[in-house]
Protein backbone atom coordinates (compact mmCIF):
# COMPACT_ATOMS: atom_id res chain seq x y z
CA MET A 1 -16.39 -28.50 -5.39
CA ASP A 2 -16.05 -24.77 -4.92
CA ARG A 3 -18.87 -25.28 -2.30
CA TYR A 4 -16.73 -28.13 -0.67
CA GLU A 5 -13.54 -26.18 -0.46
CA ARG A 6 -15.51 -23.22 1.37
CA SER A 7 -17.16 -25.54 3.83
CA GLY A 8 -15.86 -26.91 7.29
CA HIS A 9 -15.00 -30.13 5.69
CA CYS A 10 -11.72 -28.83 4.57
CA LEU A 11 -10.74 -27.23 7.80
CA PRO A 12 -7.97 -29.11 9.56
CA GLY A 13 -8.93 -30.97 12.47
CA LYS A 14 -12.78 -30.38 11.97
CA ARG A 15 -15.62 -32.64 11.12
CA SER A 16 -18.97 -31.40 9.53
CA ASN A 17 -22.36 -33.88 9.27
CA ARG A 18 -23.49 -31.37 6.64
CA ARG A 19 -23.86 -32.85 3.29
CA VAL A 20 -22.24 -30.75 0.21
CA VAL A 21 -25.43 -29.96 -1.96
CA LEU A 22 -26.33 -28.09 -4.91
CA SER A 23 -30.19 -27.20 -5.06
CA LEU A 24 -31.22 -27.04 -8.59
CA SER A 25 -34.76 -26.27 -7.83
CA ARG A 26 -33.73 -23.13 -5.82
CA GLY A 27 -31.78 -21.90 -9.00
CA GLU A 28 -28.17 -22.42 -7.43
CA TYR A 29 -27.31 -23.78 -10.96
CA PRO A 30 -28.66 -20.59 -13.38
CA PRO A 31 -28.22 -22.67 -16.49
CA TYR A 32 -30.79 -25.41 -15.12
CA ARG A 33 -34.40 -24.23 -15.95
CA GLU A 34 -37.48 -25.74 -16.53
CA ASN A 35 -37.89 -25.11 -20.49
CA ASP A 36 -34.30 -24.65 -21.17
CA PRO A 37 -33.05 -26.87 -23.96
CA ARG A 38 -29.82 -27.69 -22.20
CA THR A 39 -31.95 -29.28 -19.22
CA PRO A 40 -31.79 -32.77 -20.66
CA GLU A 41 -28.01 -32.58 -21.41
CA ILE A 42 -27.46 -31.57 -17.68
CA ASN A 43 -29.64 -34.36 -16.42
CA ALA A 44 -27.47 -36.91 -18.62
CA ALA A 45 -24.43 -35.45 -17.29
CA VAL A 46 -25.59 -35.73 -13.68
CA GLU A 47 -26.51 -39.29 -14.55
CA ARG A 48 -22.95 -40.24 -15.71
CA LEU A 49 -21.50 -38.63 -12.63
CA THR A 50 -23.77 -40.59 -10.33
CA ALA A 51 -22.68 -43.99 -12.50
CA GLU A 52 -19.31 -42.84 -11.58
CA ARG A 53 -20.14 -42.72 -7.85
CA LEU A 54 -18.81 -39.00 -7.76
CA VAL A 55 -22.47 -37.47 -6.75
CA THR A 56 -25.91 -38.74 -6.05
CA SER A 57 -29.22 -36.96 -6.76
CA ALA A 58 -32.74 -36.58 -6.16
CA TRP A 59 -35.42 -35.71 -8.46
CA ARG A 60 -38.02 -33.10 -7.71
CA LYS A 61 -41.07 -34.62 -6.32
CA GLY A 62 -43.96 -34.54 -9.34
CA TYR A 63 -40.95 -34.20 -12.00
CA GLU A 64 -39.56 -37.59 -11.67
CA GLY A 65 -37.02 -38.25 -14.67
CA TRP A 66 -37.63 -34.64 -15.93
CA LEU A 67 -36.40 -31.95 -13.26
CA LEU A 68 -33.64 -32.50 -10.55
CA ASP A 69 -33.98 -31.27 -7.20
CA LYS A 70 -30.71 -31.70 -5.49
CA VAL A 71 -27.01 -32.88 -6.41
CA PHE A 72 -25.04 -34.15 -3.68
CA LEU A 73 -21.11 -34.59 -3.64
CA ASN A 74 -19.79 -38.05 -2.73
CA LEU A 75 -17.00 -37.18 -0.10
CA ASP A 76 -15.75 -40.64 -0.34
CA SER A 77 -14.63 -40.12 -3.93
CA LEU A 78 -12.96 -36.91 -3.40
CA PRO A 79 -9.68 -38.16 -4.82
CA GLN A 80 -11.40 -39.55 -8.08
CA ILE A 81 -13.35 -36.15 -8.47
CA TYR A 82 -10.08 -34.11 -8.14
CA THR A 83 -8.68 -36.30 -10.81
CA ARG A 84 -11.90 -36.14 -12.85
CA THR A 85 -11.90 -32.05 -12.62
CA GLY A 86 -8.43 -31.65 -13.17
CA ARG A 87 -8.43 -29.66 -10.05
CA THR A 88 -5.39 -29.61 -7.16
CA SER A 89 -6.83 -30.53 -3.76
CA ILE A 90 -7.26 -27.67 -1.46
CA ALA A 91 -4.70 -29.31 0.97
CA ASP A 92 -2.22 -29.93 -1.64
CA THR A 93 -2.66 -26.26 -2.79
CA ALA A 94 -2.10 -25.29 0.75
CA ASP A 95 0.93 -27.42 1.14
CA LEU A 96 2.56 -25.78 -1.92
CA LEU A 97 1.64 -22.56 -0.71
CA CYS A 98 3.31 -23.09 2.65
CA GLN A 99 6.50 -24.30 0.89
CA LEU A 100 6.57 -21.11 -1.44
CA LEU A 101 6.22 -18.90 1.88
CA ARG A 102 8.93 -20.51 3.76
CA GLN A 103 11.55 -20.56 0.60
CA ALA A 104 10.57 -16.71 0.46
CA LYS A 105 11.19 -16.26 4.14
CA ALA A 106 14.66 -17.77 3.74
CA GLN A 107 15.61 -14.50 1.36
CA ILE A 108 13.96 -11.68 3.26
CA GLN A 109 15.15 -9.60 6.24
CA THR A 110 12.50 -6.96 6.07
CA PRO A 111 10.58 -7.17 9.08
CA TRP A 112 7.21 -6.16 7.81
CA LYS A 113 7.47 -8.49 4.90
CA LEU A 114 8.54 -11.49 7.32
CA ARG A 115 5.39 -10.41 9.53
CA PHE A 116 3.06 -10.61 6.29
CA LEU A 117 4.56 -14.15 5.48
CA ASP A 118 4.33 -15.48 8.77
CA GLU A 119 0.71 -14.43 9.27
CA GLU A 120 -0.18 -15.96 5.94
CA LEU A 121 1.72 -19.27 6.83
CA SER A 122 -0.37 -19.30 10.18
CA ARG A 123 -3.60 -18.70 8.08
CA ILE A 124 -3.05 -21.46 5.68
CA GLU A 125 -1.93 -23.94 8.19
CA LYS A 126 -5.37 -23.25 10.18
CA ASN A 127 -7.75 -22.86 7.30
CA LEU A 128 -6.10 -24.24 4.12
CA ARG A 129 -6.41 -20.66 2.72
CA PRO A 130 -4.38 -17.41 2.27
CA SER A 131 -5.87 -14.00 3.00
CA ARG A 132 -7.35 -11.97 0.14
CA LEU A 133 -3.87 -10.26 -0.21
CA LEU A 134 -2.29 -13.64 -1.50
CA SER A 135 -5.34 -14.89 -3.10
CA GLY A 136 -5.69 -15.87 -6.79
CA ALA A 137 -3.93 -18.07 -9.18
CA MET A 138 -0.46 -20.00 -8.07
CA GLU A 139 1.52 -18.18 -10.94
CA GLN A 140 0.34 -14.58 -9.36
CA VAL A 141 1.30 -15.69 -5.90
CA LYS A 142 4.70 -16.83 -7.21
CA GLY A 143 5.13 -13.60 -8.80
CA ILE A 144 4.26 -11.55 -5.72
CA LEU A 145 6.87 -13.54 -3.52
CA THR A 146 9.40 -13.14 -6.17
CA VAL A 147 9.06 -9.14 -6.50
CA LEU A 148 9.11 -9.12 -2.52
CA GLN A 149 12.37 -11.10 -2.45
CA TYR A 150 13.75 -9.10 -5.35
CA THR A 151 13.04 -5.76 -3.54
CA GLU A 152 15.38 -7.03 -0.54
CA GLU A 153 18.40 -5.69 -2.88
CA GLY A 154 16.98 -2.13 -2.91
CA PRO A 155 15.07 0.04 -4.74
CA GLU A 156 14.79 -0.34 -8.70
CA LEU A 157 12.68 0.53 -11.48
CA MET A 158 9.49 -0.78 -12.17
CA ARG A 159 10.46 -2.11 -15.47
CA VAL A 160 13.88 -3.28 -14.52
CA ILE A 161 12.27 -5.48 -11.83
CA SER A 162 9.86 -6.93 -14.24
CA VAL A 163 12.42 -7.74 -16.87
CA ASN A 164 14.84 -9.34 -14.33
CA CYS A 165 12.18 -11.26 -12.62
CA PHE A 166 9.69 -12.23 -15.51
CA HIS A 167 11.70 -11.66 -18.59
CA ASP A 168 8.77 -9.31 -19.48
CA SER A 169 9.04 -5.58 -19.01
CA LYS A 170 4.97 -4.94 -18.33
CA TYR A 171 4.40 -8.30 -16.56
CA LEU A 172 4.82 -6.37 -13.20
CA GLU A 173 2.59 -3.56 -14.33
CA ARG A 174 -0.19 -5.96 -15.87
CA ASN A 175 -0.57 -8.42 -13.32
CA LEU A 176 0.82 -7.61 -9.77
CA LEU A 177 0.83 -3.98 -8.67
CA SER A 178 -2.60 -3.89 -7.11
CA SER A 179 -1.73 -6.85 -5.19
CA LEU A 180 1.71 -5.59 -4.03
CA SER A 181 0.08 -2.24 -3.26
CA SER A 182 -2.36 -3.45 -1.03
CA ILE A 183 0.13 -5.79 0.88
CA VAL A 184 2.49 -2.64 1.40
CA ARG A 185 -0.26 -0.48 2.74
CA ALA A 186 -1.43 -3.42 5.02
CA TYR A 187 1.84 -4.17 6.62
CA ASP A 188 4.50 -1.60 6.21
CA PRO A 189 4.40 0.30 9.61
CA GLU A 190 4.44 3.65 8.15
CA LEU A 191 2.07 3.27 5.56
CA ALA A 192 -0.33 1.46 7.96
CA ASN A 193 -0.28 4.78 10.18
CA TYR A 194 -1.04 6.75 6.94
CA ARG A 195 -4.54 5.89 6.76
CA THR A 196 -6.67 8.84 6.15
CA ALA A 197 -10.18 9.51 4.54
CA ASP A 198 -10.83 9.32 0.63
CA GLU A 199 -9.84 12.92 -0.11
CA GLU A 200 -6.22 12.05 1.53
CA LEU A 201 -5.61 8.64 -0.13
CA LEU A 202 -1.97 7.83 -0.83
CA SER A 203 -1.25 7.10 -4.66
CA GLN A 204 -0.18 3.40 -5.46
CA SER A 205 3.04 4.59 -7.01
CA ALA A 206 3.83 6.14 -3.41
CA ALA A 207 2.92 2.98 -1.70
CA LEU A 208 5.02 1.06 -4.37
CA ALA A 209 8.04 3.22 -3.55
CA GLN A 210 8.19 2.20 -0.06
CA LEU A 211 8.56 -1.44 -1.37
CA GLY A 212 11.23 -0.38 -3.82
CA ILE A 213 9.23 -0.29 -7.04
CA LEU A 214 10.03 2.85 -8.90
CA THR A 215 7.88 4.17 -11.58
CA TYR A 216 10.60 6.56 -12.51
CA PRO A 217 13.69 8.05 -11.19
CA GLU A 218 12.87 10.30 -8.25
CA ILE A 219 14.14 13.88 -8.59
CA PHE A 220 15.12 15.71 -5.14
CA GLU A 221 14.77 19.34 -5.45
CA PHE A 222 16.18 21.94 -2.72
CA CYS A 223 17.67 25.23 -2.76
CA GLY A 224 20.70 26.81 -0.53
CA SER A 225 24.27 26.72 -0.24
CA VAL A 226 25.40 23.30 0.53
CA GLN A 227 28.27 21.09 -0.57
CA LEU A 228 27.49 17.41 -1.80
CA PHE A 229 30.58 15.33 -1.12
CA PHE A 230 31.02 12.51 -3.68
CA ALA A 231 33.94 10.03 -3.87
CA GLN A 232 35.80 11.73 -6.55
CA SER A 233 34.64 15.20 -6.11
CA THR A 234 32.49 17.83 -4.26
CA LEU A 235 29.77 20.15 -5.74
CA ASP A 236 28.77 23.51 -4.29
CA THR A 237 25.40 24.24 -4.84
CA SER A 238 25.40 28.09 -3.99
CA PRO A 239 25.81 29.10 -7.86
CA PHE A 240 22.09 27.79 -8.31
CA PRO A 241 20.02 30.23 -6.49
CA LYS A 242 16.85 29.01 -8.06
CA GLY A 243 17.01 25.76 -7.01
CA PHE A 244 19.08 22.37 -7.39
CA CYS A 245 18.12 18.93 -8.76
CA LEU A 246 19.52 15.70 -7.63
CA GLN A 247 18.66 12.44 -9.18
CA SER A 248 17.89 9.55 -7.25
CA GLU A 249 20.29 7.16 -9.22
CA ASN A 250 22.92 9.49 -7.83
CA LEU A 251 22.32 9.17 -4.21
CA ASP A 252 24.19 5.96 -3.62
CA GLY A 253 27.59 7.91 -4.50
CA LEU A 254 26.62 10.97 -2.05
CA LEU A 255 28.89 10.40 0.92
CA LYS A 256 27.72 13.56 2.85
CA ILE A 257 26.41 16.96 2.77
CA GLY A 258 28.07 20.01 4.02
CA LEU A 259 25.70 22.31 5.79
CA ASP A 260 27.89 24.56 7.91
CA ASP A 261 26.51 27.50 6.50
CA ILE A 262 22.86 26.68 6.98
CA HIS A 263 20.92 27.81 9.95
CA THR A 264 17.46 26.91 9.18
CA VAL A 265 15.85 24.40 7.14
CA LEU A 266 12.06 24.65 5.72
CA PHE A 267 10.46 21.28 4.19
CA VAL A 268 7.75 22.51 1.88
CA GLU A 269 5.05 19.93 1.10
CA ASN A 270 3.72 21.73 -2.03
CA ARG A 271 5.46 22.29 -5.12
CA THR A 272 3.69 25.66 -6.02
CA ASN A 273 4.76 27.00 -2.38
CA TYR A 274 8.24 25.51 -3.04
CA ARG A 275 8.79 27.53 -6.18
CA HIS A 276 7.06 30.68 -5.10
CA ILE A 277 9.75 30.76 -2.06
CA LEU A 278 12.48 30.08 -4.58
CA LEU A 279 11.62 32.71 -6.94
CA ARG A 280 11.17 35.49 -4.19
CA GLY A 281 14.62 34.58 -3.10
CA VAL A 282 16.32 32.40 -0.47
CA PRO A 283 18.24 33.67 1.96
CA ALA A 284 22.15 32.71 2.06
CA HIS A 285 21.60 30.92 5.64
CA GLN A 286 18.58 29.06 4.76
CA LEU A 287 17.97 25.77 2.98
CA VAL A 288 14.42 25.16 1.30
CA ILE A 289 13.54 21.56 0.32
CA LEU A 290 10.71 20.19 -1.75
CA HIS A 291 9.24 17.30 0.76
CA GLY A 292 6.36 16.25 -1.47
CA GLY A 293 3.90 13.86 -0.37
CA PHE A 294 4.53 10.61 1.49
CA TYR A 295 8.20 10.45 1.30
CA SER A 296 9.95 7.33 -0.14
CA PRO A 297 13.03 5.26 1.45
CA THR A 298 15.42 6.84 -1.02
CA ARG A 299 14.22 10.23 -0.08
CA ARG A 300 14.55 9.33 3.44
CA GLN A 301 17.94 8.36 3.00
CA LEU A 302 18.73 11.86 1.50
CA PHE A 303 17.02 13.45 4.59
CA LYS A 304 19.15 11.36 6.83
CA LEU A 305 22.30 12.76 4.95
CA LEU A 306 20.79 16.26 5.84
CA SER A 307 20.07 15.34 9.33
CA SER A 308 23.57 14.34 10.04
CA GLY A 309 25.10 17.24 8.45
CA LEU A 310 23.18 19.90 9.94
CA THR A 311 25.09 21.92 13.13
CA ALA A 312 23.53 21.20 16.75
CA SER A 313 21.99 24.87 16.56
CA ALA A 314 20.43 24.71 13.05
CA LYS A 315 16.30 25.00 13.24
CA VAL A 316 14.27 22.78 10.96
CA ALA A 317 10.63 23.26 10.29
CA PHE A 318 7.96 21.99 8.05
CA TRP A 319 5.49 23.78 6.06
CA GLY A 320 2.08 21.53 4.99
CA ASP A 321 -1.48 22.08 4.16
CA ILE A 322 -3.42 22.44 7.59
CA ASP A 323 -5.36 19.29 7.27
CA LEU A 324 -4.61 15.44 8.17
CA GLY A 325 -2.19 14.97 5.59
CA GLY A 326 -0.03 17.74 6.62
CA PHE A 327 -0.08 16.55 10.25
CA LEU A 328 0.66 12.85 9.12
CA MET A 329 3.55 14.15 7.23
CA PHE A 330 5.19 16.40 9.88
CA THR A 331 4.83 13.85 12.39
CA ARG A 332 6.54 11.19 10.21
CA LEU A 333 9.60 13.43 9.35
CA LYS A 334 9.96 14.35 13.13
CA GLN A 335 9.37 10.72 14.46
CA PHE A 336 12.07 9.15 11.71
CA VAL A 337 14.66 11.68 10.81
CA PHE A 338 14.31 15.15 12.45
CA PRO A 339 13.46 14.82 16.42
CA ALA A 340 13.40 18.91 16.97
CA LEU A 341 11.11 19.42 13.83
CA GLU A 342 8.82 22.51 14.33
CA PRO A 343 5.71 23.25 12.35
CA TYR A 344 5.68 26.44 10.26
CA ARG A 345 2.41 28.33 9.68
CA MET A 346 0.38 25.46 10.48
CA GLY A 347 -1.07 26.61 13.65
CA LEU A 348 -4.50 27.58 15.19
CA GLU A 349 -3.65 31.10 14.40
CA ASP A 350 -2.80 30.28 10.89
CA TYR A 351 -6.11 28.34 10.67
CA CYS A 352 -8.10 31.08 11.81
CA ALA A 353 -6.47 33.81 9.33
CA TYR A 354 -7.55 31.53 6.46
CA ARG A 355 -10.69 29.72 7.54
CA ASN A 356 -12.85 31.53 5.27
CA SER A 357 -10.87 30.41 2.22
CA GLY A 358 -10.59 26.60 3.55
CA SER A 359 -11.89 23.50 1.75
CA ALA A 360 -14.99 21.72 3.07
CA ARG A 361 -14.29 18.20 3.99
CA SER A 362 -16.60 15.32 4.16
CA ALA A 363 -18.07 13.63 7.04
CA ALA A 364 -15.91 10.55 6.58
CA TYR A 365 -12.94 12.87 6.50
CA LEU A 366 -13.62 14.34 9.61
CA ALA A 367 -14.59 11.06 11.42
CA SER A 368 -11.00 9.87 10.14
CA LEU A 369 -9.28 13.11 11.88
CA GLN A 370 -11.23 12.44 14.93
CA LYS A 371 -9.79 8.88 15.28
CA HIS A 372 -6.31 9.63 14.12
CA MET A 373 -6.42 12.39 16.97
CA GLU A 374 -7.86 10.01 19.59
CA GLN A 375 -5.17 7.35 18.67
CA GLY A 376 -2.34 9.90 19.02
CA ALA A 377 -1.30 9.35 15.28
CA PHE A 378 -0.22 12.80 14.79
CA ASP A 379 2.08 15.28 17.18
CA PRO A 380 0.12 16.77 19.71
CA VAL A 381 1.42 20.07 18.78
CA PHE A 382 -1.63 19.97 16.15
CA THR A 383 -4.33 19.07 18.55
CA PRO A 384 -5.67 22.69 19.07
CA VAL A 385 -5.78 23.31 15.10
CA ALA A 386 -7.34 19.79 14.56
CA ARG A 387 -10.25 20.60 16.83
CA ALA A 388 -11.01 23.67 14.87
CA ILE A 389 -11.01 21.67 11.73
CA LEU A 390 -13.72 19.47 13.41
CA GLU A 391 -15.47 22.39 14.57
CA ASP A 392 -15.52 24.09 11.24
CA GLY A 393 -15.32 21.21 8.74
CA ARG A 394 -12.62 22.79 6.87
CA THR A 395 -8.95 22.57 6.00
CA ILE A 396 -6.50 24.98 4.77
CA GLU A 397 -4.39 24.23 1.64
CA GLN A 398 -0.82 25.88 1.37
CA GLU A 399 -1.52 27.63 -1.66
CA ILE A 400 -4.32 29.87 -0.24
CA MET A 401 -1.69 31.46 2.08
CA LEU A 402 0.68 32.47 -0.64
CA SER A 403 -0.66 36.01 -1.09
CA ASN A 404 0.58 37.22 2.34
CA HIS A 405 3.61 34.85 2.44
CA THR A 406 7.09 36.49 3.26
CA ASN A 407 10.43 34.76 3.95
CA CYS A 408 10.35 35.14 7.75
CA TYR A 409 11.40 32.16 9.19
């Protein structure tokens, strides 16, 4: 039946003249062997199925009555076969899947989720099967669709989602994370552009955060004299010269951010570099923000508030590793939040100053960098330094620069 359901017999509107056959003499059914004590039992089972007109069979020439050669599925008896095996027909399964997908679509508005559902519907209607992203037991498919619908309401902690959807705090973690992460990576437009070589793989938690599944509350870290305006109060962060933290759950109550005294903003990718700057002292006119890796929708919400609070004359820069990941992070932040964003210490001159301390990269990584550059996946300001990386085969991590760092921005 597995072989039948993978064959052209099952494709809508197509006919196949090929018989569905299992060749026992060629070892296609491993338990069936010449001297295996189970062989007579298998012969008897095939004879019973033949008597029920579910299969036909042929003996191996010269071994009649002892060893079977082939067993053929009787396609005229498919309804009885499905009943006999307790399986749901592939057509009925496809109908159920389509019904579930249409129900999910009615509850979803996120464009990339709708594109995923539409493409799965089209595939199932054509081939009666979903893609590998939605393959698996029906219970798992229902779970995936449930989470896709639930996360339309906004970000939530993983175990809270699991309890609300499945009455089991660990069900989501045990059964669905890998599939959901693959779907997000394939369809979220920002993640789809963030495909790098093996050294720069995006973490599963970062991918799931794009969907709104949080493994823990996010902590936003920054340092500078700003005012956080909430409905009932205003908080001035200037008394915190070594940095301030804001928990993501409090972001919904944040109305705006006052940045009148801020002339420059510096996003820092790496925590070590961020802490190093803070320990040396942040000038009164400057705001330093820990960017971290691939930012989540919640973090972008904060970045948008920062963008709207800045004066027109304020300068915004990003300092990241001189590598593909850094280029992509800069480009994303510039494209979606800060159109006038400038790179900081990420140019060709900086690369040349530290190239001897760089990290060697694999051929796969360099091929990925070349491909991203040719496709225009990152800002062209990095083209000269990207070419230098391709020539040298090395990239520069931010930490290498700390020995010569000064607050010169």
